[in-house]
């Protein structure tokens, strides 16, 4: 069986786990819970001129480490984002050569990378109420294509039901799972030589400053004019326009689904109310972990 055929037979999560062990010192892990804003960070990284690898739809090659798109993995999904679309259409090895810095998305816990040579990481964080709701909306649109046992739930799963459903990655419901994920990455931070925390809200309110701070924490130098252009080309308006154009010819199943759905800060205020949902998000582990990032996730917030 060839290297390409092995990749094409793997589910997206299996492909991503396989990719983790193939990473090296040049790779920078971009960790975040689903819905945290990794698509935004991916586009920024791409516009800054760095390689970006989405391990759920492409994989490093066993032989030389160069990223290779897996043709059977959700072509309609990855063409919507500049970071993966242009990767698919590039030819040859990664831009900048085998030693250039490359960013790689992950939803995995840090221990998955313990046996790799990775020594730099970004932790992307967003208000957990917005993160988990965004994840629910993504699941309702795309989950059936990624998670085989979820196909019959699409369009039928309510938000409370989603909150009760255990996650594929850690076997926990979304609320305690969010807390465990971010707590584990904070605890692992000292194990990385370079570690940056990037808040979604900061990327929205002052993108140039947030991007500059991220680069400084990683020891990367990028001209200010390139940073400014990356921020502009990664605005919600710009990214949504690209996705709309890319998805215009899709079938009924996905053409109205959006990765760039609203890109809003504080959307949780529209749905949380004062009843069951507010009480759920007052989970002690979530509120304690959220506070470490500056979020006050309480019933009266």
C-alpha atoms as a PDB file:
ATOM      1  CA  UNK A   1       0.000   0.000   0.000  1.00  0.00           C
ATOM      2  CA  UNK A   2       1.416   3.397  -0.980  1.00  0.00           C
ATOM      3  CA  UNK A   3       1.925   6.385   1.324  1.00  0.00           C
ATOM      4  CA  UNK A   4      -0.864   8.282  -0.459  1.00  0.00           C
ATOM      5  CA  UNK A   5      -3.349   5.415  -0.190  1.00  0.00           C
ATOM      6  CA  UNK A   6      -2.661   5.074   3.550  1.00  0.00           C
ATOM      7  CA  UNK A   7      -3.528   8.741   4.117  1.00  0.00           C
ATOM      8  CA  UNK A   8      -6.668   8.573   2.021  1.00  0.00           C
ATOM      9  CA  UNK A   9      -8.113   5.684   4.066  1.00  0.00           C
ATOM     10  CA  UNK A  10      -7.834   7.531   7.397  1.00  0.00           C
ATOM     11  CA  UNK A  11     -10.652   9.498   9.034  1.00  0.00           C
ATOM     12  CA  UNK A  12      -9.785  13.203   9.568  1.00  0.00           C
ATOM     13  CA  UNK A  13      -9.073  12.686  13.289  1.00  0.00           C
ATOM     14  CA  UNK A  14      -6.900   9.644  12.554  1.00  0.00           C
ATOM     15  CA  UNK A  15      -5.025  11.594   9.897  1.00  0.00           C
ATOM     16  CA  UNK A  16      -4.378  14.415  12.371  1.00  0.00           C
ATOM     17  CA  UNK A  17      -3.068  12.045  15.026  1.00  0.00           C
ATOM     18  CA  UNK A  18      -0.758  10.433  12.478  1.00  0.00           C
ATOM     19  CA  UNK A  19       0.542  13.860  11.480  1.00  0.00           C
ATOM     20  CA  UNK A  20       1.446  14.774  15.068  1.00  0.00           C
ATOM     21  CA  UNK A  21       4.260  12.256  15.255  1.00  0.00           C
ATOM     22  CA  UNK A  22       5.785  13.518  11.994  1.00  0.00           C
ATOM     23  CA  UNK A  23       6.327  17.089  13.171  1.00  0.00           C
ATOM     24  CA  UNK A  24       9.724  18.616  13.855  1.00  0.00           C
ATOM     25  CA  UNK A  25      11.452  21.602  15.418  1.00  0.00           C
ATOM     26  CA  UNK A  26      10.310  23.941  12.662  1.00  0.00           C
ATOM     27  CA  UNK A  27       6.634  23.265  13.454  1.00  0.00           C
ATOM     28  CA  UNK A  28       4.514  25.527  15.668  1.00  0.00           C
ATOM     29  CA  UNK A  29       1.378  23.919  17.084  1.00  0.00           C
ATOM     30  CA  UNK A  30      -1.773  26.066  16.948  1.00  0.00           C
ATOM     31  CA  UNK A  31      -3.906  24.517  19.697  1.00  0.00           C
ATOM     32  CA  UNK A  32      -7.519  25.424  20.361  1.00  0.00           C
ATOM     33  CA  UNK A  33     -10.883  23.931  21.181  1.00  0.00           C
ATOM     34  CA  UNK A  34     -13.276  23.669  18.201  1.00  0.00           C
ATOM     35  CA  UNK A  35     -14.906  27.066  17.635  1.00  0.00           C
ATOM     36  CA  UNK A  36     -12.086  29.064  19.238  1.00  0.00           C
ATOM     37  CA  UNK A  37     -11.051  30.936  16.094  1.00  0.00           C
ATOM     38  CA  UNK A  38      -8.379  28.756  14.529  1.00  0.00           C
ATOM     39  CA  UNK A  39      -9.710  29.499  11.039  1.00  0.00           C
ATOM     40  CA  UNK A  40      -8.953  33.166  11.662  1.00  0.00           C
ATOM     41  CA  UNK A  41      -5.451  32.401  12.943  1.00  0.00           C
ATOM     42  CA  UNK A  42      -4.867  30.115   9.951  1.00  0.00           C
ATOM     43  CA  UNK A  43      -5.696  32.887   7.527  1.00  0.00           C
ATOM     44  CA  UNK A  44      -3.484  35.365   9.389  1.00  0.00           C
ATOM     45  CA  UNK A  45      -0.562  32.920   9.369  1.00  0.00           C
ATOM     46  CA  UNK A  46      -1.037  32.325   5.662  1.00  0.00           C
ATOM     47  CA  UNK A  47      -1.167  36.051   4.906  1.00  0.00           C
ATOM     48  CA  UNK A  48       2.005  36.590   6.962  1.00  0.00           C
ATOM     49  CA  UNK A  49       3.772  34.290   4.517  1.00  0.00           C
ATOM     50  CA  UNK A  50       4.186  31.189   6.683  1.00  0.00           C
ATOM     51  CA  UNK A  51       3.174  27.643   5.856  1.00  0.00           C
ATOM     52  CA  UNK A  52       0.021  26.438   7.565  1.00  0.00           C
ATOM     53  CA  UNK A  53      -0.906  22.772   7.764  1.00  0.00           C
ATOM     54  CA  UNK A  54      -4.431  21.590   8.516  1.00  0.00           C
ATOM     55  CA  UNK A  55      -3.795  17.992   9.616  1.00  0.00           C
ATOM     56  CA  UNK A  56      -7.449  17.038   9.228  1.00  0.00           C
ATOM     57  CA  UNK A  57      -7.284  17.429   5.437  1.00  0.00           C
ATOM     58  CA  UNK A  58      -3.558  17.133   4.674  1.00  0.00           C
ATOM     59  CA  UNK A  59      -0.559  15.393   6.143  1.00  0.00           C
ATOM     60  CA  UNK A  60       3.239  15.562   6.280  1.00  0.00           C
ATOM     61  CA  UNK A  61       4.838  13.016   4.002  1.00  0.00           C
ATOM     62  CA  UNK A  62       6.695  10.192   5.779  1.00  0.00           C
ATOM     63  CA  UNK A  63       9.649  10.643   3.429  1.00  0.00           C
ATOM     64  CA  UNK A  64      10.424  14.358   3.447  1.00  0.00           C
ATOM     65  CA  UNK A  65       7.886  16.011   5.793  1.00  0.00           C
ATOM     66  CA  UNK A  66       6.342  18.161   3.055  1.00  0.00           C
ATOM     67  CA  UNK A  67       2.594  18.702   3.433  1.00  0.00           C
ATOM     68  CA  UNK A  68       0.428  16.759   1.028  1.00  0.00           C
ATOM     69  CA  UNK A  69      -3.297  17.345   0.589  1.00  0.00           C
ATOM     70  CA  UNK A  70      -5.419  14.194   0.883  1.00  0.00           C
ATOM     71  CA  UNK A  71      -7.680  14.288  -2.122  1.00  0.00           C
ATOM     72  CA  UNK A  72     -10.540  12.365  -0.534  1.00  0.00           C
ATOM     73  CA  UNK A  73     -10.721  14.558   2.580  1.00  0.00           C
ATOM     74  CA  UNK A  74     -13.466  17.173   2.269  1.00  0.00           C
ATOM     75  CA  UNK A  75     -12.320  19.098  -0.783  1.00  0.00           C
ATOM     76  CA  UNK A  76     -15.371  21.346  -0.530  1.00  0.00           C
ATOM     77  CA  UNK A  77     -14.392  22.309   3.033  1.00  0.00           C
ATOM     78  CA  UNK A  78     -10.745  23.190   2.602  1.00  0.00           C
ATOM     79  CA  UNK A  79     -11.255  25.236  -0.567  1.00  0.00           C
ATOM     80  CA  UNK A  80     -13.217  27.782   1.496  1.00  0.00           C
ATOM     81  CA  UNK A  81     -10.124  29.031   3.369  1.00  0.00           C
ATOM     82  CA  UNK A  82      -7.089  30.703   1.838  1.00  0.00           C
ATOM     83  CA  UNK A  83      -4.702  28.833   4.113  1.00  0.00           C
ATOM     84  CA  UNK A  84      -5.696  25.388   2.835  1.00  0.00           C
ATOM     85  CA  UNK A  85      -6.947  26.275  -0.642  1.00  0.00           C
ATOM     86  CA  UNK A  86      -3.662  27.763  -1.762  1.00  0.00           C
ATOM     87  CA  UNK A  87      -1.762  24.938  -0.066  1.00  0.00           C
ATOM     88  CA  UNK A  88      -3.706  22.505  -2.267  1.00  0.00           C
ATOM     89  CA  UNK A  89      -2.795  24.378  -5.427  1.00  0.00           C
ATOM     90  CA  UNK A  90       0.867  24.873  -4.587  1.00  0.00           C
ATOM     91  CA  UNK A  91       3.361  22.617  -6.281  1.00  0.00           C
ATOM     92  CA  UNK A  92       6.421  20.951  -4.843  1.00  0.00           C
ATOM     93  CA  UNK A  93       7.700  21.260  -1.294  1.00  0.00           C
ATOM     94  CA  UNK A  94       6.566  23.723   1.334  1.00  0.00           C
ATOM     95  CA  UNK A  95       7.178  27.398   0.600  1.00  0.00           C
ATOM     96  CA  UNK A  96      10.364  28.693   2.181  1.00  0.00           C
ATOM     97  CA  UNK A  97      12.095  25.314   2.219  1.00  0.00           C
ATOM     98  CA  UNK A  98      12.220  22.423   4.696  1.00  0.00           C
ATOM     99  CA  UNK A  99      13.591  24.542   7.553  1.00  0.00           C
ATOM    100  CA  UNK A 100      11.064  27.412   7.340  1.00  0.00           C
ATOM    101  CA  UNK A 101       8.611  27.763  10.205  1.00  0.00           C
ATOM    102  CA  UNK A 102       5.319  25.956   9.683  1.00  0.00           C
ATOM    103  CA  UNK A 103       2.150  26.267  11.767  1.00  0.00           C
ATOM    104  CA  UNK A 104      -0.110  23.269  12.360  1.00  0.00           C
ATOM    105  CA  UNK A 105      -3.657  23.279  13.730  1.00  0.00           C
ATOM    106  CA  UNK A 106      -4.676  20.866  16.477  1.00  0.00           C
ATOM    107  CA  UNK A 107      -7.556  20.064  18.815  1.00  0.00           C
ATOM    108  CA  UNK A 108      -5.422  17.497  20.632  1.00  0.00           C
ATOM    109  CA  UNK A 109      -4.122  17.646  24.175  1.00  0.00           C
ATOM    110  CA  UNK A 110      -0.423  18.502  24.592  1.00  0.00           C
ATOM    111  CA  UNK A 111       0.631  14.951  25.475  1.00  0.00           C
ATOM    112  CA  UNK A 112      -0.012  13.935  21.864  1.00  0.00           C
ATOM    113  CA  UNK A 113       3.112  15.928  20.950  1.00  0.00           C
ATOM    114  CA  UNK A 114       5.272  14.643  23.799  1.00  0.00           C
ATOM    115  CA  UNK A 115       7.275  12.303  21.544  1.00  0.00           C
ATOM    116  CA  UNK A 116       7.715  14.813  18.715  1.00  0.00           C
ATOM    117  CA  UNK A 117      10.391  17.472  18.297  1.00  0.00           C
ATOM    118  CA  UNK A 118       7.856  20.312  18.475  1.00  0.00           C
ATOM    119  CA  UNK A 119       8.964  23.023  20.932  1.00  0.00           C
ATOM    120  CA  UNK A 120       6.717  25.999  20.048  1.00  0.00           C
ATOM    121  CA  UNK A 121       2.972  26.420  20.481  1.00  0.00           C
ATOM    122  CA  UNK A 122       0.149  28.935  20.223  1.00  0.00           C
ATOM    123  CA  UNK A 123      -2.941  28.510  22.380  1.00  0.00           C
ATOM    124  CA  UNK A 124      -5.989  30.100  20.725  1.00  0.00           C
ATOM    125  CA  UNK A 125      -8.699  30.946  23.239  1.00  0.00           C
ATOM    126  CA  UNK A 126     -12.140  32.528  23.019  1.00  0.00           C
ATOM    127  CA  UNK A 127     -14.897  33.110  25.541  1.00  0.00           C
ATOM    128  CA  UNK A 128     -16.074  29.532  26.209  1.00  0.00           C
ATOM    129  CA  UNK A 129     -19.722  30.460  25.695  1.00  0.00           C
ATOM    130  CA  UNK A 130     -18.962  31.693  22.180  1.00  0.00           C
ATOM    131  CA  UNK A 131     -16.512  28.856  21.510  1.00  0.00           C
ATOM    132  CA  UNK A 132     -18.928  26.071  22.362  1.00  0.00           C
ATOM    133  CA  UNK A 133     -21.870  27.673  20.566  1.00  0.00           C
ATOM    134  CA  UNK A 134     -19.723  28.161  17.465  1.00  0.00           C
ATOM    135  CA  UNK A 135     -18.690  24.512  17.684  1.00  0.00           C
ATOM    136  CA  UNK A 136     -22.366  23.517  17.842  1.00  0.00           C
ATOM    137  CA  UNK A 137     -23.139  25.537  14.713  1.00  0.00           C
ATOM    138  CA  UNK A 138     -20.172  23.998  12.887  1.00  0.00           C
ATOM    139  CA  UNK A 139     -21.243  20.506  13.953  1.00  0.00           C
ATOM    140  CA  UNK A 140     -24.770  21.188  12.710  1.00  0.00           C
ATOM    141  CA  UNK A 141     -23.392  22.090   9.267  1.00  0.00           C
ATOM    142  CA  UNK A 142     -20.333  19.924   8.687  1.00  0.00           C
ATOM    143  CA  UNK A 143     -20.246  17.258  11.417  1.00  0.00           C
ATOM    144  CA  UNK A 144     -21.800  14.530   9.304  1.00  0.00           C
ATOM    145  CA  UNK A 145     -18.922  14.708   6.842  1.00  0.00           C
ATOM    146  CA  UNK A 146     -16.267  14.408   9.547  1.00  0.00           C
ATOM    147  CA  UNK A 147     -17.841  12.155  12.167  1.00  0.00           C
ATOM    148  CA  UNK A 148     -19.517   9.022  10.738  1.00  0.00           C
ATOM    149  CA  UNK A 149     -21.854   8.406  13.676  1.00  0.00           C
ATOM    150  CA  UNK A 150     -23.089  12.013  13.604  1.00  0.00           C
ATOM    151  CA  UNK A 151     -24.593  12.059  10.113  1.00  0.00           C
ATOM    152  CA  UNK A 152     -28.109  11.208  11.275  1.00  0.00           C
ATOM    153  CA  UNK A 153     -28.025  13.991  13.893  1.00  0.00           C
ATOM    154  CA  UNK A 154     -27.451  16.865  11.506  1.00  0.00           C
ATOM    155  CA  UNK A 155     -30.371  19.279  11.612  1.00  0.00           C
ATOM    156  CA  UNK A 156     -31.944  17.452  14.554  1.00  0.00           C
ATOM    157  CA  UNK A 157     -29.578  18.040  17.480  1.00  0.00           C
ATOM    158  CA  UNK A 158     -30.645  20.824  19.843  1.00  0.00           C
ATOM    159  CA  UNK A 159     -28.054  22.935  21.642  1.00  0.00           C
ATOM    160  CA  UNK A 160     -28.783  21.348  25.061  1.00  0.00           C
ATOM    161  CA  UNK A 161     -28.448  17.913  23.435  1.00  0.00           C
ATOM    162  CA  UNK A 162     -25.121  18.963  21.943  1.00  0.00           C
ATOM    163  CA  UNK A 163     -23.910  20.100  25.359  1.00  0.00           C
ATOM    164  CA  UNK A 164     -24.755  16.652  26.754  1.00  0.00           C
ATOM    165  CA  UNK A 165     -23.033  14.770  23.922  1.00  0.00           C
ATOM    166  CA  UNK A 166     -19.511  13.547  24.687  1.00  0.00           C
ATOM    167  CA  UNK A 167     -16.721  14.823  22.470  1.00  0.00           C
ATOM    168  CA  UNK A 168     -14.685  12.670  20.127  1.00  0.00           C
ATOM    169  CA  UNK A 169     -11.334  13.848  21.475  1.00  0.00           C
ATOM    170  CA  UNK A 170     -11.634  13.357  25.234  1.00  0.00           C
ATOM    171  CA  UNK A 171     -14.950  11.628  25.925  1.00  0.00           C
ATOM    172  CA  UNK A 172     -16.282  14.578  27.936  1.00  0.00           C
ATOM    173  CA  UNK A 173     -19.248  16.893  27.342  1.00  0.00           C
ATOM    174  CA  UNK A 174     -18.351  20.283  25.849  1.00  0.00           C
ATOM    175  CA  UNK A 175     -18.377  22.407  29.020  1.00  0.00           C
ATOM    176  CA  UNK A 176     -16.071  20.354  31.280  1.00  0.00           C
ATOM    177  CA  UNK A 177     -14.121  19.351  28.149  1.00  0.00           C
ATOM    178  CA  UNK A 178     -13.362  22.995  27.342  1.00  0.00           C
ATOM    179  CA  UNK A 179     -12.013  23.524  30.857  1.00  0.00           C
ATOM    180  CA  UNK A 180      -9.898  20.378  30.816  1.00  0.00           C
ATOM    181  CA  UNK A 181      -8.424  21.175  27.396  1.00  0.00           C
ATOM    182  CA  UNK A 182      -7.292  24.698  28.275  1.00  0.00           C
ATOM    183  CA  UNK A 183      -6.117  23.761  31.730  1.00  0.00           C
ATOM    184  CA  UNK A 184      -3.942  21.021  30.268  1.00  0.00           C
ATOM    185  CA  UNK A 185      -2.332  23.382  27.766  1.00  0.00           C
ATOM    186  CA  UNK A 186      -1.618  26.003  30.414  1.00  0.00           C
ATOM    187  CA  UNK A 187      -0.006  23.344  32.584  1.00  0.00           C
ATOM    188  CA  UNK A 188       2.104  22.160  29.628  1.00  0.00           C
ATOM    189  CA  UNK A 189       3.258  25.663  28.633  1.00  0.00           C
ATOM    190  CA  UNK A 190       6.620  25.455  30.512  1.00  0.00           C
ATOM    191  CA  UNK A 191       7.535  22.396  28.423  1.00  0.00           C
ATOM    192  CA  UNK A 192       7.687  24.534  25.266  1.00  0.00           C
ATOM    193  CA  UNK A 193      10.588  26.866  24.564  1.00  0.00           C
ATOM    194  CA  UNK A 194       8.155  29.359  23.006  1.00  0.00           C
ATOM    195  CA  UNK A 195       4.485  29.621  23.943  1.00  0.00           C
ATOM    196  CA  UNK A 196       1.919  32.294  23.031  1.00  0.00           C
ATOM    197  CA  UNK A 197      -1.685  32.762  24.175  1.00  0.00           C
ATOM    198  CA  UNK A 198      -3.823  34.439  21.507  1.00  0.00           C
ATOM    199  CA  UNK A 199      -7.325  35.620  22.376  1.00  0.00           C
ATOM    200  CA  UNK A 200      -9.921  35.686  19.620  1.00  0.00           C
ATOM    201  CA  UNK A 201     -11.387  38.886  21.044  1.00  0.00           C
ATOM    202  CA  UNK A 202      -8.007  40.652  20.796  1.00  0.00           C
ATOM    203  CA  UNK A 203      -7.621  39.581  17.171  1.00  0.00           C
ATOM    204  CA  UNK A 204     -11.001  41.173  16.490  1.00  0.00           C
ATOM    205  CA  UNK A 205     -10.569  44.415  18.475  1.00  0.00           C
ATOM    206  CA  UNK A 206      -6.902  45.253  17.743  1.00  0.00           C
ATOM    207  CA  UNK A 207      -5.600  42.713  15.218  1.00  0.00           C
ATOM    208  CA  UNK A 208      -2.284  44.387  14.389  1.00  0.00           C
ATOM    209  CA  UNK A 209      -1.286  44.587  18.051  1.00  0.00           C
ATOM    210  CA  UNK A 210      -2.417  41.017  18.770  1.00  0.00           C
ATOM    211  CA  UNK A 211      -0.575  39.606  15.754  1.00  0.00           C
ATOM    212  CA  UNK A 212       2.573  41.560  16.619  1.00  0.00           C
ATOM    213  CA  UNK A 213       2.502  40.253  20.198  1.00  0.00           C
ATOM    214  CA  UNK A 214       2.034  36.678  18.963  1.00  0.00           C
ATOM    215  CA  UNK A 215       5.010  36.939  16.627  1.00  0.00           C
ATOM    216  CA  UNK A 216       7.190  38.449  19.350  1.00  0.00           C
ATOM    217  CA  UNK A 217       6.370  35.581  21.728  1.00  0.00           C
ATOM    218  CA  UNK A 218       7.398  33.119  19.038  1.00  0.00           C
ATOM    219  CA  UNK A 219      10.591  34.995  18.192  1.00  0.00           C
ATOM    220  CA  UNK A 220       9.482  35.680  14.610  1.00  0.00           C
ATOM    221  CA  UNK A 221      10.185  38.910  12.727  1.00  0.00           C
ATOM    222  CA  UNK A 222       7.689  40.149  10.122  1.00  0.00           C
ATOM    223  CA  UNK A 223       7.682  43.672   8.605  1.00  0.00           C
ATOM    224  CA  UNK A 224       4.929  45.931  10.033  1.00  0.00           C
ATOM    225  CA  UNK A 225       3.403  46.481   6.604  1.00  0.00           C
ATOM    226  CA  UNK A 226       3.015  42.713   6.147  1.00  0.00           C
ATOM    227  CA  UNK A 227       1.329  42.435   9.551  1.00  0.00           C
ATOM    228  CA  UNK A 228      -1.081  45.245   8.643  1.00  0.00           C
ATOM    229  CA  UNK A 229      -1.939  43.619   5.316  1.00  0.00           C
ATOM    230  CA  UNK A 230      -2.472  40.229   6.989  1.00  0.00           C
ATOM    231  CA  UNK A 231      -4.871  41.813   9.492  1.00  0.00           C
ATOM    232  CA  UNK A 232      -6.830  43.522   6.714  1.00  0.00           C
ATOM    233  CA  UNK A 233      -7.054  40.405   4.551  1.00  0.00           C
ATOM    234  CA  UNK A 234      -8.143  38.347   7.563  1.00  0.00           C
ATOM    235  CA  UNK A 235     -11.112  40.524   8.482  1.00  0.00           C
ATOM    236  CA  UNK A 236     -14.470  38.787   8.730  1.00  0.00           C
ATOM    237  CA  UNK A 237     -15.675  40.636   5.629  1.00  0.00           C
ATOM    238  CA  UNK A 238     -12.700  39.532   3.536  1.00  0.00           C
ATOM    239  CA  UNK A 239     -12.789  35.920   4.690  1.00  0.00           C
ATOM    240  CA  UNK A 240     -16.560  35.636   4.316  1.00  0.00           C
ATOM    241  CA  UNK A 241     -16.389  37.007   0.771  1.00  0.00           C
ATOM    242  CA  UNK A 242     -13.791  34.406  -0.138  1.00  0.00           C
ATOM    243  CA  UNK A 243     -15.856  31.587   1.344  1.00  0.00           C
ATOM    244  CA  UNK A 244     -19.028  32.755  -0.399  1.00  0.00           C
ATOM    245  CA  UNK A 245     -17.221  32.757  -3.748  1.00  0.00           C
ATOM    246  CA  UNK A 246     -15.666  29.335  -3.122  1.00  0.00           C
ATOM    247  CA  UNK A 247     -18.941  27.699  -2.061  1.00  0.00           C
ATOM    248  CA  UNK A 248     -21.177  29.203  -4.741  1.00  0.00           C
ATOM    249  CA  UNK A 249     -21.259  26.020  -6.841  1.00  0.00           C
ATOM    250  CA  UNK A 250     -21.834  23.541  -3.998  1.00  0.00           C
ATOM    251  CA  UNK A 251     -24.897  21.353  -3.571  1.00  0.00           C
ATOM    252  CA  UNK A 252     -27.790  22.001  -1.225  1.00  0.00           C
ATOM    253  CA  UNK A 253     -26.169  20.089   1.661  1.00  0.00           C
ATOM    254  CA  UNK A 254     -23.322  22.539   2.278  1.00  0.00           C
ATOM    255  CA  UNK A 255     -23.769  25.661   0.176  1.00  0.00           C
ATOM    256  CA  UNK A 256     -25.607  27.516   2.968  1.00  0.00           C
ATOM    257  CA  UNK A 257     -23.261  26.276   5.711  1.00  0.00           C
ATOM    258  CA  UNK A 258     -20.516  28.656   6.748  1.00  0.00           C
ATOM    259  CA  UNK A 259     -17.155  28.374   8.449  1.00  0.00           C
ATOM    260  CA  UNK A 260     -17.186  32.170   8.692  1.00  0.00           C
ATOM    261  CA  UNK A 261     -20.692  32.288  10.129  1.00  0.00           C
ATOM    262  CA  UNK A 262     -20.748  35.563  12.129  1.00  0.00           C
ATOM    263  CA  UNK A 263     -17.313  36.040  13.670  1.00  0.00           C
ATOM    264  CA  UNK A 264     -18.920  37.897  16.539  1.00  0.00           C
ATOM    265  CA  UNK A 265     -17.648  38.705  20.019  1.00  0.00           C
ATOM    266  CA  UNK A 266     -20.155  38.143  22.826  1.00  0.00           C
ATOM    267  CA  UNK A 267     -22.792  36.355  20.743  1.00  0.00           C
ATOM    268  CA  UNK A 268     -23.592  34.289  23.838  1.00  0.00           C
ATOM    269  CA  UNK A 269     -25.589  37.222  25.235  1.00  0.00           C
ATOM    270  CA  UNK A 270     -28.242  36.546  22.578  1.00  0.00           C
ATOM    271  CA  UNK A 271     -29.052  33.023  23.750  1.00  0.00           C
ATOM    272  CA  UNK A 272     -27.844  32.329  27.281  1.00  0.00           C
ATOM    273  CA  UNK A 273     -30.798  33.796  29.212  1.00  0.00           C
ATOM    274  CA  UNK A 274     -31.141  33.244  32.954  1.00  0.00           C
ATOM    275  CA  UNK A 275     -32.264  29.618  33.049  1.00  0.00           C
ATOM    276  CA  UNK A 276     -30.732  26.234  32.285  1.00  0.00           C
ATOM    277  CA  UNK A 277     -28.065  27.404  29.831  1.00  0.00           C
ATOM    278  CA  UNK A 278     -26.759  30.065  32.205  1.00  0.00           C
ATOM    279  CA  UNK A 279     -26.567  27.493  34.983  1.00  0.00           C
ATOM    280  CA  UNK A 280     -24.731  25.022  32.748  1.00  0.00           C
ATOM    281  CA  UNK A 281     -22.074  27.587  31.880  1.00  0.00           C
ATOM    282  CA  UNK A 282     -21.585  28.393  35.553  1.00  0.00           C
ATOM    283  CA  UNK A 283     -19.765  25.052  35.821  1.00  0.00           C
ATOM    284  CA  UNK A 284     -16.988  25.585  38.420  1.00  0.00           C
ATOM    285  CA  UNK A 285     -14.194  24.148  36.265  1.00  0.00           C
ATOM    286  CA  UNK A 286     -15.212  26.306  33.296  1.00  0.00           C
ATOM    287  CA  UNK A 287     -15.541  29.553  35.233  1.00  0.00           C
ATOM    288  CA  UNK A 288     -12.209  29.006  37.021  1.00  0.00           C
ATOM    289  CA  UNK A 289     -10.337  28.240  33.807  1.00  0.00           C
ATOM    290  CA  UNK A 290     -12.061  31.028  31.867  1.00  0.00           C
ATOM    291  CA  UNK A 291     -11.003  33.532  34.539  1.00  0.00           C
ATOM    292  CA  UNK A 292      -7.350  32.699  33.844  1.00  0.00           C
ATOM    293  CA  UNK A 293      -7.852  34.183  30.365  1.00  0.00           C
ATOM    294  CA  UNK A 294      -9.857  37.204  31.534  1.00  0.00           C
ATOM    295  CA  UNK A 295     -13.381  35.861  30.944  1.00  0.00           C
ATOM    296  CA  UNK A 296     -16.063  36.068  33.637  1.00  0.00           C
ATOM    297  CA  UNK A 297     -18.372  33.201  32.739  1.00  0.00           C
ATOM    298  CA  UNK A 298     -21.001  33.473  35.462  1.00  0.00           C
ATOM    299  CA  UNK A 299     -24.835  33.397  35.328  1.00  0.00           C
ATOM    300  CA  UNK A 300     -25.029  37.162  35.853  1.00  0.00           C
ATOM    301  CA  UNK A 301     -22.201  38.170  33.480  1.00  0.00           C
END
